[in-house]
Each structure stands twice: as C-alpha cells, then as structure tokens.
Amino acid sequence: VGIPVLRVKGQVAQEAEGVRLATMHAMKGLEFRAVSVLG
C-alpha cells in the first residue's frame, strides 16, 4: 500500500524514513510514539 518500512537489525539512523519493523528482542533500547505488537 506504499508505506515505507525499515527492518531493525542493529542501530538505525533516527532520520531514516520508514516504519520500523523489529523482533521483540531487537526492540530493547528503542522507543516510538506508536507501537504495534503482533502475534
């Protein structure tokens, strides 16, 4: 549907565009205005 995404597998630049996708383990140390926990 045209929504940019970015997989988090380490440090990701704050300004890099895209909805962040990460495993629960990779979420440690991150924060977002909105979080969706799947599954």
PDB file of all heavy atoms in Angstrom:
ATOM      1  N   VAL A   1       0.834  -1.218   0.000  1.00  0.00           N
ATOM      2  CA  VAL A   1       0.000   0.000   0.000  1.00  0.00           C
ATOM      3  C   VAL A   1       0.864   1.260   0.000  1.00  0.00           C
ATOM      4  O   VAL A   1       0.365   2.364   0.253  1.00  0.00           O
ATOM      5  CB  VAL A   1      -0.965   0.010   1.203  1.00  0.00           C
ATOM      6  CG1 VAL A   1      -1.942  -1.146   1.108  1.00  0.00           C
ATOM      7  CG2 VAL A   1      -0.212  -0.021   2.523  1.00  0.00           C
ATOM      8  N   GLY A   2       2.154   1.110  -0.280  1.00  0.00           N
ATOM      9  CA  GLY A   2       3.020   2.262  -0.442  1.00  0.00           C
ATOM     10  C   GLY A   2       3.579   2.859   0.833  1.00  0.00           C
ATOM     11  O   GLY A   2       4.056   3.997   0.832  1.00  0.00           O
ATOM     12  N   ILE A   3       3.548   2.098   1.929  1.00  0.00           N
ATOM     13  CA  ILE A   3       4.096   2.594   3.196  1.00  0.00           C
ATOM     14  C   ILE A   3       5.539   2.132   3.319  1.00  0.00           C
ATOM     15  O   ILE A   3       5.810   0.927   3.298  1.00  0.00           O
ATOM     16  CB  ILE A   3       3.264   2.098   4.392  1.00  0.00           C
ATOM     17  CG1 ILE A   3       1.839   2.653   4.322  1.00  0.00           C
ATOM     18  CG2 ILE A   3       3.926   2.499   5.718  1.00  0.00           C
ATOM     19  CD1 ILE A   3       0.914   2.114   5.393  1.00  0.00           C
ATOM     20  N   PRO A   4       6.489   3.052   3.436  1.00  0.00           N
ATOM     21  CA  PRO A   4       7.896   2.646   3.542  1.00  0.00           C
ATOM     22  C   PRO A   4       8.163   1.936   4.864  1.00  0.00           C
ATOM     23  O   PRO A   4       7.600   2.294   5.904  1.00  0.00           O
ATOM     24  CB  PRO A   4       8.652   3.975   3.474  1.00  0.00           C
ATOM     25  CG  PRO A   4       7.680   4.993   3.998  1.00  0.00           C
ATOM     26  CD  PRO A   4       6.322   4.515   3.541  1.00  0.00           C
ATOM     27  N   VAL A   5       9.038   0.936   4.845  1.00  0.00           N
ATOM     28  CA  VAL A   5       9.381   0.193   6.061  1.00  0.00           C
ATOM     29  C   VAL A   5      10.890   0.058   6.150  1.00  0.00           C
ATOM     30  O   VAL A   5      11.605   0.152   5.146  1.00  0.00           O
ATOM     31  CB  VAL A   5       8.729  -1.205   6.090  1.00  0.00           C
ATOM     32  CG1 VAL A   5       7.215  -1.104   6.047  1.00  0.00           C
ATOM     33  CG2 VAL A   5       9.239  -2.068   4.948  1.00  0.00           C
ATOM     34  N   LEU A   6      11.368  -0.176   7.354  1.00  0.00           N
ATOM     35  CA  LEU A   6      12.783  -0.358   7.595  1.00  0.00           C
ATOM     36  C   LEU A   6      12.955  -1.427   8.659  1.00  0.00           C
ATOM     37  O   LEU A   6      12.428  -1.308   9.764  1.00  0.00           O
ATOM     38  CB  LEU A   6      13.414   0.957   8.067  1.00  0.00           C
ATOM     39  CG  LEU A   6      14.934   1.034   8.105  1.00  0.00           C
ATOM     40  CD1 LEU A   6      15.521   0.860   6.712  1.00  0.00           C
ATOM     41  CD2 LEU A   6      15.364   2.383   8.676  1.00  0.00           C
ATOM     42  N   ARG A   7      13.662  -2.508   8.322  1.00  0.00           N
ATOM     43  CA  ARG A   7      13.890  -3.584   9.282  1.00  0.00           C
ATOM     44  C   ARG A   7      15.002  -3.180  10.250  1.00  0.00           C
ATOM     45  O   ARG A   7      16.059  -2.706   9.834  1.00  0.00           O
ATOM     46  CB  ARG A   7      14.261  -4.882   8.568  1.00  0.00           C
ATOM     47  CG  ARG A   7      13.170  -5.435   7.686  1.00  0.00           C
ATOM     48  CD  ARG A   7      11.937  -5.879   8.472  1.00  0.00           C
ATOM     49  NE  ARG A   7      12.101  -7.186   9.068  1.00  0.00           N
ATOM     50  CZ  ARG A   7      11.692  -8.330   8.506  1.00  0.00           C
ATOM     51  NH1 ARG A   7      11.112  -8.309   7.317  1.00  0.00           N
ATOM     52  NH2 ARG A   7      11.854  -9.482   9.131  1.00  0.00           N
ATOM     53  N   VAL A   8      14.759  -3.376  11.534  1.00  0.00           N
ATOM     54  CA  VAL A   8      15.733  -3.021  12.569  1.00  0.00           C
ATOM     55  C   VAL A   8      16.504  -4.271  12.940  1.00  0.00           C
ATOM     56  O   VAL A   8      15.960  -5.193  13.546  1.00  0.00           O
ATOM     57  CB  VAL A   8      15.037  -2.434  13.810  1.00  0.00           C
ATOM     58  CG1 VAL A   8      16.062  -2.143  14.899  1.00  0.00           C
ATOM     59  CG2 VAL A   8      14.266  -1.175  13.442  1.00  0.00           C
ATOM     60  N   LYS A   9      17.782  -4.295  12.583  1.00  0.00           N
ATOM     61  CA  LYS A   9      18.647  -5.420  12.936  1.00  0.00           C
ATOM     62  C   LYS A   9      19.936  -4.914  13.573  1.00  0.00           C
ATOM     63  O   LYS A   9      20.944  -5.586  13.601  1.00  0.00           O
ATOM     64  CB  LYS A   9      18.961  -6.256  11.687  1.00  0.00           C
ATOM     65  CG  LYS A   9      17.718  -6.904  11.085  1.00  0.00           C
ATOM     66  CD  LYS A   9      18.049  -7.738   9.870  1.00  0.00           C
ATOM     67  CE  LYS A   9      16.796  -8.381   9.291  1.00  0.00           C
ATOM     68  NZ  LYS A   9      17.081  -9.186   8.075  1.00  0.00           N
ATOM     69  N   GLY A  10      19.887  -3.724  14.074  1.00  0.00           N
ATOM     70  CA  GLY A  10      21.029  -3.068  14.695  1.00  0.00           C
ATOM     71  C   GLY A  10      20.681  -1.610  14.855  1.00  0.00           C
ATOM     72  O   GLY A  10      19.516  -1.235  14.916  1.00  0.00           O
ATOM     73  N   GLN A  11      21.678  -0.741  14.896  1.00  0.00           N
ATOM     74  CA  GLN A  11      21.436   0.676  15.039  1.00  0.00           C
ATOM     75  C   GLN A  11      20.925   1.237  13.723  1.00  0.00           C
ATOM     76  O   GLN A  11      21.490   1.006  12.660  1.00  0.00           O
ATOM     77  CB  GLN A  11      22.720   1.399  15.458  1.00  0.00           C
ATOM     78  CG  GLN A  11      22.548   2.879  15.727  1.00  0.00           C
ATOM     79  CD  GLN A  11      21.793   3.146  17.008  1.00  0.00           C
ATOM     80  OE1 GLN A  11      21.457   2.219  17.745  1.00  0.00           O
ATOM     81  NE2 GLN A  11      21.530   4.408  17.286  1.00  0.00           N
ATOM     82  N   VAL A  12      19.818   1.991  13.770  1.00  0.00           N
ATOM     83  CA  VAL A  12      19.220   2.602  12.586  1.00  0.00           C
ATOM     84  C   VAL A  12      19.202   4.107  12.784  1.00  0.00           C
ATOM     85  O   VAL A  12      18.822   4.597  13.859  1.00  0.00           O
ATOM     86  CB  VAL A  12      17.789   2.086  12.355  1.00  0.00           C
ATOM     87  CG1 VAL A  12      17.152   2.804  11.179  1.00  0.00           C
ATOM     88  CG2 VAL A  12      17.803   0.581  12.105  1.00  0.00           C
ATOM     89  N   ALA A  13      19.619   4.847  11.789  1.00  0.00           N
ATOM     90  CA  ALA A  13      19.636   6.306  11.891  1.00  0.00           C
ATOM     91  C   ALA A  13      18.241   6.835  12.195  1.00  0.00           C
ATOM     92  O   ALA A  13      17.257   6.412  11.580  1.00  0.00           O
ATOM     93  CB  ALA A  13      20.167   6.911  10.596  1.00  0.00           C
ATOM     94  N   GLN A  14      18.154   7.781  13.138  1.00  0.00           N
ATOM     95  CA  GLN A  14      16.872   8.321  13.555  1.00  0.00           C
ATOM     96  C   GLN A  14      16.109   8.929  12.389  1.00  0.00           C
ATOM     97  O   GLN A  14      14.894   8.808  12.282  1.00  0.00           O
ATOM     98  CB  GLN A  14      17.106   9.380  14.650  1.00  0.00           C
ATOM     99  CG  GLN A  14      15.857  10.134  15.098  1.00  0.00           C
ATOM    100  CD  GLN A  14      14.926   9.289  15.934  1.00  0.00           C
ATOM    101  OE1 GLN A  14      15.333   8.248  16.432  1.00  0.00           O
ATOM    102  NE2 GLN A  14      13.692   9.731  16.074  1.00  0.00           N
ATOM    103  N   GLU A  15      16.850   9.603  11.466  1.00  0.00           N
ATOM    104  CA  GLU A  15      16.179  10.316  10.381  1.00  0.00           C
ATOM    105  C   GLU A  15      15.828   9.412   9.197  1.00  0.00           C
ATOM    106  O   GLU A  15      15.126   9.846   8.281  1.00  0.00           O
ATOM    107  CB  GLU A  15      17.060  11.476   9.900  1.00  0.00           C
ATOM    108  CG  GLU A  15      18.392  11.057   9.308  1.00  0.00           C
ATOM    109  CD  GLU A  15      19.478  10.869  10.372  1.00  0.00           C
ATOM    110  OE1 GLU A  15      19.145  10.902  11.577  1.00  0.00           O
ATOM    111  OE2 GLU A  15      20.638  10.675   9.991  1.00  0.00           O
ATOM    112  N   ALA A  16      16.301   8.163   9.175  1.00  0.00           N
ATOM    113  CA  ALA A  16      15.995   7.260   8.067  1.00  0.00           C
ATOM    114  C   ALA A  16      14.486   7.029   7.989  1.00  0.00           C
ATOM    115  O   ALA A  16      13.827   6.777   8.997  1.00  0.00           O
ATOM    116  CB  ALA A  16      16.731   5.937   8.248  1.00  0.00           C
ATOM    117  N   GLU A  17      13.937   7.117   6.784  1.00  0.00           N
ATOM    118  CA  GLU A  17      12.494   7.047   6.623  1.00  0.00           C
ATOM    119  C   GLU A  17      12.007   5.598   6.636  1.00  0.00           C
ATOM    120  O   GLU A  17      12.689   4.700   6.173  1.00  0.00           O
ATOM    121  CB  GLU A  17      12.083   7.712   5.303  1.00  0.00           C
ATOM    122  CG  GLU A  17      10.598   8.009   5.178  1.00  0.00           C
ATOM    123  CD  GLU A  17      10.103   8.974   6.248  1.00  0.00           C
ATOM    124  OE1 GLU A  17      10.908   9.756   6.774  1.00  0.00           O
ATOM    125  OE2 GLU A  17       8.901   8.930   6.562  1.00  0.00           O
ATOM    126  N   GLY A  18      10.820   5.379   7.174  1.00  0.00           N
ATOM    127  CA  GLY A  18      10.217   4.058   7.158  1.00  0.00           C
ATOM    128  C   GLY A  18       9.679   3.634   8.504  1.00  0.00           C
ATOM    129  O   GLY A  18      10.283   3.918   9.547  1.00  0.00           O
ATOM    130  N   VAL A  19       8.536   2.945   8.492  1.00  0.00           N
ATOM    131  CA  VAL A  19       8.008   2.323   9.704  1.00  0.00           C
ATOM    132  C   VAL A  19       9.002   1.260  10.157  1.00  0.00           C
ATOM    133  O   VAL A  19       9.474   0.454   9.356  1.00  0.00           O
ATOM    134  CB  VAL A  19       6.626   1.690   9.413  1.00  0.00           C
ATOM    135  CG1 VAL A  19       6.145   0.874  10.603  1.00  0.00           C
ATOM    136  CG2 VAL A  19       5.615   2.769   9.059  1.00  0.00           C
ATOM    137  N   ARG A  20       9.343   1.265  11.430  1.00  0.00           N
ATOM    138  CA  ARG A  20      10.352   0.343  11.937  1.00  0.00           C
ATOM    139  C   ARG A  20       9.740  -1.025  12.242  1.00  0.00           C
ATOM    140  O   ARG A  20       8.728  -1.108  12.946  1.00  0.00           O
ATOM    141  CB  ARG A  20      10.995   0.887  13.212  1.00  0.00           C
ATOM    142  CG  ARG A  20      11.620   2.286  13.097  1.00  0.00           C
ATOM    143  CD  ARG A  20      12.637   2.376  11.973  1.00  0.00           C
ATOM    144  NE  ARG A  20      13.518   3.522  12.128  1.00  0.00           N
ATOM    145  CZ  ARG A  20      13.572   4.550  11.292  1.00  0.00           C
ATOM    146  NH1 ARG A  20      12.768   4.580  10.228  1.00  0.00           N
ATOM    147  NH2 ARG A  20      14.414   5.536  11.489  1.00  0.00           N
ATOM    148  N   LEU A  21      10.346  -2.087  11.716  1.00  0.00           N
ATOM    149  CA  LEU A  21       9.929  -3.460  11.993  1.00  0.00           C
ATOM    150  C   LEU A  21      11.056  -4.158  12.737  1.00  0.00           C
ATOM    151  O   LEU A  21      12.202  -4.160  12.285  1.00  0.00           O
ATOM    152  CB  LEU A  21       9.630  -4.222  10.696  1.00  0.00           C
ATOM    153  CG  LEU A  21       8.591  -3.624   9.742  1.00  0.00           C
ATOM    154  CD1 LEU A  21       8.373  -4.554   8.554  1.00  0.00           C
ATOM    155  CD2 LEU A  21       7.280  -3.368  10.445  1.00  0.00           C
ATOM    156  N   ALA A  22      10.749  -4.756  13.893  1.00  0.00           N
ATOM    157  CA  ALA A  22      11.794  -5.370  14.708  1.00  0.00           C
ATOM    158  C   ALA A  22      11.235  -6.548  15.478  1.00  0.00           C
ATOM    159  O   ALA A  22      10.044  -6.590  15.805  1.00  0.00           O
ATOM    160  CB  ALA A  22      12.378  -4.342  15.687  1.00  0.00           C
ATOM    161  N   THR A  23      12.101  -7.505  15.780  1.00  0.00           N
ATOM    162  CA  THR A  23      11.699  -8.565  16.702  1.00  0.00           C
ATOM    163  C   THR A  23      11.584  -7.961  18.103  1.00  0.00           C
ATOM    164  O   THR A  23      12.112  -6.878  18.381  1.00  0.00           O
ATOM    165  CB  THR A  23      12.725  -9.699  16.733  1.00  0.00           C
ATOM    166  OG1 THR A  23      13.975  -9.186  17.238  1.00  0.00           O
ATOM    167  CG2 THR A  23      12.929 -10.288  15.343  1.00  0.00           C
ATOM    168  N   MET A  24      10.928  -8.681  19.003  1.00  0.00           N
ATOM    169  CA  MET A  24      10.785  -8.182  20.364  1.00  0.00           C
ATOM    170  C   MET A  24      12.147  -7.980  21.016  1.00  0.00           C
ATOM    171  O   MET A  24      12.353  -7.011  21.755  1.00  0.00           O
ATOM    172  CB  MET A  24       9.935  -9.154  21.192  1.00  0.00           C
ATOM    173  CG  MET A  24       8.468  -9.175  20.810  1.00  0.00           C
ATOM    174  SD  MET A  24       7.529 -10.287  21.881  1.00  0.00           S
ATOM    175  CE  MET A  24       5.872 -10.073  21.203  1.00  0.00           C
ATOM    176  N   HIS A  25      13.085  -8.882  20.748  1.00  0.00           N
ATOM    177  CA  HIS A  25      14.417  -8.733  21.324  1.00  0.00           C
ATOM    178  C   HIS A  25      15.112  -7.480  20.800  1.00  0.00           C
ATOM    179  O   HIS A  25      15.806  -6.785  21.549  1.00  0.00           O
ATOM    180  CB  HIS A  25      15.281  -9.962  21.021  1.00  0.00           C
ATOM    181  CG  HIS A  25      14.944 -11.156  21.854  1.00  0.00           C
ATOM    182  ND1 HIS A  25      14.000 -12.084  21.465  1.00  0.00           N
ATOM    183  CD2 HIS A  25      15.410 -11.571  23.064  1.00  0.00           C
ATOM    184  CE1 HIS A  25      13.905 -13.029  22.396  1.00  0.00           C
ATOM    185  NE2 HIS A  25      14.749 -12.736  23.373  1.00  0.00           N
ATOM    186  N   ALA A  26      14.922  -7.167  19.521  1.00  0.00           N
ATOM    187  CA  ALA A  26      15.585  -6.008  18.922  1.00  0.00           C
ATOM    188  C   ALA A  26      14.955  -4.690  19.346  1.00  0.00           C
ATOM    189  O   ALA A  26      15.534  -3.622  19.103  1.00  0.00           O
ATOM    190  CB  ALA A  26      15.559  -6.124  17.393  1.00  0.00           C
ATOM    191  N   MET A  27      13.786  -4.741  20.001  1.00  0.00           N
ATOM    192  CA  MET A  27      13.121  -3.507  20.431  1.00  0.00           C
ATOM    193  C   MET A  27      13.816  -2.877  21.631  1.00  0.00           C
ATOM    194  O   MET A  27      13.592  -1.703  21.940  1.00  0.00           O
ATOM    195  CB  MET A  27      11.659  -3.793  20.781  1.00  0.00           C
ATOM    196  CG  MET A  27      10.780  -4.091  19.596  1.00  0.00           C
ATOM    197  SD  MET A  27      10.434  -2.642  18.580  1.00  0.00           S
ATOM    198  CE  MET A  27       9.081  -1.892  19.502  1.00  0.00           C
ATOM    199  N   LYS A  28      14.653  -3.642  22.332  1.00  0.00           N
ATOM    200  CA  LYS A  28      15.292  -3.104  23.534  1.00  0.00           C
ATOM    201  C   LYS A  28      16.108  -1.870  23.187  1.00  0.00           C
ATOM    202  O   LYS A  28      16.886  -1.860  22.244  1.00  0.00           O
ATOM    203  CB  LYS A  28      16.204  -4.165  24.167  1.00  0.00           C
ATOM    204  CG  LYS A  28      16.687  -3.772  25.535  1.00  0.00           C
ATOM    205  CD  LYS A  28      15.558  -3.850  26.548  1.00  0.00           C
ATOM    206  CE  LYS A  28      15.950  -3.232  27.864  1.00  0.00           C
ATOM    207  NZ  LYS A  28      15.925  -1.755  27.833  1.00  0.00           N
ATOM    208  N   GLY A  29      15.910  -0.808  23.956  1.00  0.00           N
ATOM    209  CA  GLY A  29      16.646   0.420  23.748  1.00  0.00           C
ATOM    210  C   GLY A  29      16.006   1.371  22.754  1.00  0.00           C
ATOM    211  O   GLY A  29      16.496   2.484  22.560  1.00  0.00           O
ATOM    212  N   LEU A  30      14.908   0.951  22.114  1.00  0.00           N
ATOM    213  CA  LEU A  30      14.223   1.798  21.149  1.00  0.00           C
ATOM    214  C   LEU A  30      12.972   2.414  21.779  1.00  0.00           C
ATOM    215  O   LEU A  30      12.498   1.971  22.816  1.00  0.00           O
ATOM    216  CB  LEU A  30      13.823   0.991  19.913  1.00  0.00           C
ATOM    217  CG  LEU A  30      14.945   0.254  19.182  1.00  0.00           C
ATOM    218  CD1 LEU A  30      14.367  -0.541  18.013  1.00  0.00           C
ATOM    219  CD2 LEU A  30      16.008   1.223  18.702  1.00  0.00           C
ATOM    220  N   GLU A  31      12.437   3.432  21.143  1.00  0.00           N
ATOM    221  CA  GLU A  31      11.151   3.978  21.555  1.00  0.00           C
ATOM    222  C   GLU A  31      10.476   4.623  20.355  1.00  0.00           C
ATOM    223  O   GLU A  31      11.134   5.105  19.436  1.00  0.00           O
ATOM    224  CB  GLU A  31      11.302   4.991  22.686  1.00  0.00           C
ATOM    225  CG  GLU A  31      12.104   6.224  22.347  1.00  0.00           C
ATOM    226  CD  GLU A  31      12.152   7.190  23.527  1.00  0.00           C
ATOM    227  OE1 GLU A  31      12.914   6.955  24.471  1.00  0.00           O
ATOM    228  OE2 GLU A  31      11.408   8.185  23.478  1.00  0.00           O
ATOM    229  N   PHE A  32       9.142   4.596  20.374  1.00  0.00           N
ATOM    230  CA  PHE A  32       8.350   5.119  19.271  1.00  0.00           C
ATOM    231  C   PHE A  32       7.107   5.804  19.829  1.00  0.00           C
ATOM    232  O   PHE A  32       6.632   5.458  20.913  1.00  0.00           O
ATOM    233  CB  PHE A  32       7.920   3.986  18.329  1.00  0.00           C
ATOM    234  CG  PHE A  32       9.060   3.177  17.779  1.00  0.00           C
ATOM    235  CD1 PHE A  32       9.467   2.014  18.409  1.00  0.00           C
ATOM    236  CD2 PHE A  32       9.741   3.596  16.650  1.00  0.00           C
ATOM    237  CE1 PHE A  32      10.522   1.266  17.924  1.00  0.00           C
ATOM    238  CE2 PHE A  32      10.804   2.847  16.151  1.00  0.00           C
ATOM    239  CZ  PHE A  32      11.189   1.684  16.787  1.00  0.00           C
ATOM    240  N   ARG A  33       6.573   6.730  19.081  1.00  0.00           N
ATOM    241  CA  ARG A  33       5.314   7.347  19.504  1.00  0.00           C
ATOM    242  C   ARG A  33       4.194   6.311  19.512  1.00  0.00           C
ATOM    243  O   ARG A  33       3.301   6.361  20.360  1.00  0.00           O
ATOM    244  CB  ARG A  33       4.960   8.525  18.592  1.00  0.00           C
ATOM    245  CG  ARG A  33       5.863   9.735  18.790  1.00  0.00           C
ATOM    246  CD  ARG A  33       5.461  10.876  17.891  1.00  0.00           C
ATOM    247  NE  ARG A  33       4.093  11.308  18.178  1.00  0.00           N
ATOM    248  CZ  ARG A  33       3.414  12.191  17.437  1.00  0.00           C
ATOM    249  NH1 ARG A  33       3.984  12.704  16.360  1.00  0.00           N
ATOM    250  NH2 ARG A  33       2.198  12.537  17.766  1.00  0.00           N
ATOM    251  N   ALA A  34       4.227   5.390  18.561  1.00  0.00           N
ATOM    252  CA  ALA A  34       3.204   4.345  18.487  1.00  0.00           C
ATOM    253  C   ALA A  34       3.871   2.998  18.253  1.00  0.00           C
ATOM    254  O   ALA A  34       4.790   2.888  17.442  1.00  0.00           O
ATOM    255  CB  ALA A  34       2.209   4.637  17.356  1.00  0.00           C
ATOM    256  N   VAL A  35       3.409   1.981  18.978  1.00  0.00           N
ATOM    257  CA  VAL A  35       3.940   0.629  18.840  1.00  0.00           C
ATOM    258  C   VAL A  35       2.790  -0.347  18.631  1.00  0.00           C
ATOM    259  O   VAL A  35       1.775  -0.284  19.333  1.00  0.00           O
ATOM    260  CB  VAL A  35       4.752   0.212  20.084  1.00  0.00           C
ATOM    261  CG1 VAL A  35       5.048  -1.289  20.064  1.00  0.00           C
ATOM    262  CG2 VAL A  35       6.051   0.999  20.166  1.00  0.00           C
ATOM    263  N   SER A  36       2.965  -1.244  17.664  1.00  0.00           N
ATOM    264  CA  SER A  36       2.029  -2.343  17.448  1.00  0.00           C
ATOM    265  C   SER A  36       2.772  -3.650  17.692  1.00  0.00           C
ATOM    266  O   SER A  36       3.792  -3.918  17.047  1.00  0.00           O
ATOM    267  CB  SER A  36       1.470  -2.320  16.019  1.00  0.00           C
ATOM    268  OG  SER A  36       0.602  -1.221  15.823  1.00  0.00           O
ATOM    269  N   VAL A  37       2.269  -4.450  18.638  1.00  0.00           N
ATOM    270  CA  VAL A  37       2.847  -5.754  18.943  1.00  0.00           C
ATOM    271  C   VAL A  37       1.998  -6.808  18.254  1.00  0.00           C
ATOM    272  O   VAL A  37       0.806  -6.954  18.561  1.00  0.00           O
ATOM    273  CB  VAL A  37       2.894  -6.007  20.457  1.00  0.00           C
ATOM    274  CG1 VAL A  37       3.490  -7.384  20.746  1.00  0.00           C
ATOM    275  CG2 VAL A  37       3.699  -4.915  21.158  1.00  0.00           C
ATOM    276  N   LEU A  38       2.594  -7.538  17.316  1.00  0.00           N
ATOM    277  CA  LEU A  38       1.878  -8.556  16.551  1.00  0.00           C
ATOM    278  C   LEU A  38       2.089  -9.941  17.150  1.00  0.00           C
ATOM    279  O   LEU A  38       3.118 -10.219  17.774  1.00  0.00           O
ATOM    280  CB  LEU A  38       2.381  -8.579  15.110  1.00  0.00           C
ATOM    281  CG  LEU A  38       2.126  -7.365  14.221  1.00  0.00           C
ATOM    282  CD1 LEU A  38       2.770  -7.595  12.862  1.00  0.00           C
ATOM    283  CD2 LEU A  38       0.645  -7.103  14.069  1.00  0.00           C
ATOM    284  N   GLY A  39       1.121 -10.828  16.931  1.00  0.00           N
ATOM    285  CA  GLY A  39       1.313 -12.242  17.219  1.00  0.00           C
ATOM    286  C   GLY A  39       1.413 -12.594  18.689  1.00  0.00           C
ATOM    287  O   GLY A  39       2.120 -13.548  19.048  1.00  0.00           O
TER     288      GLY A  39
END
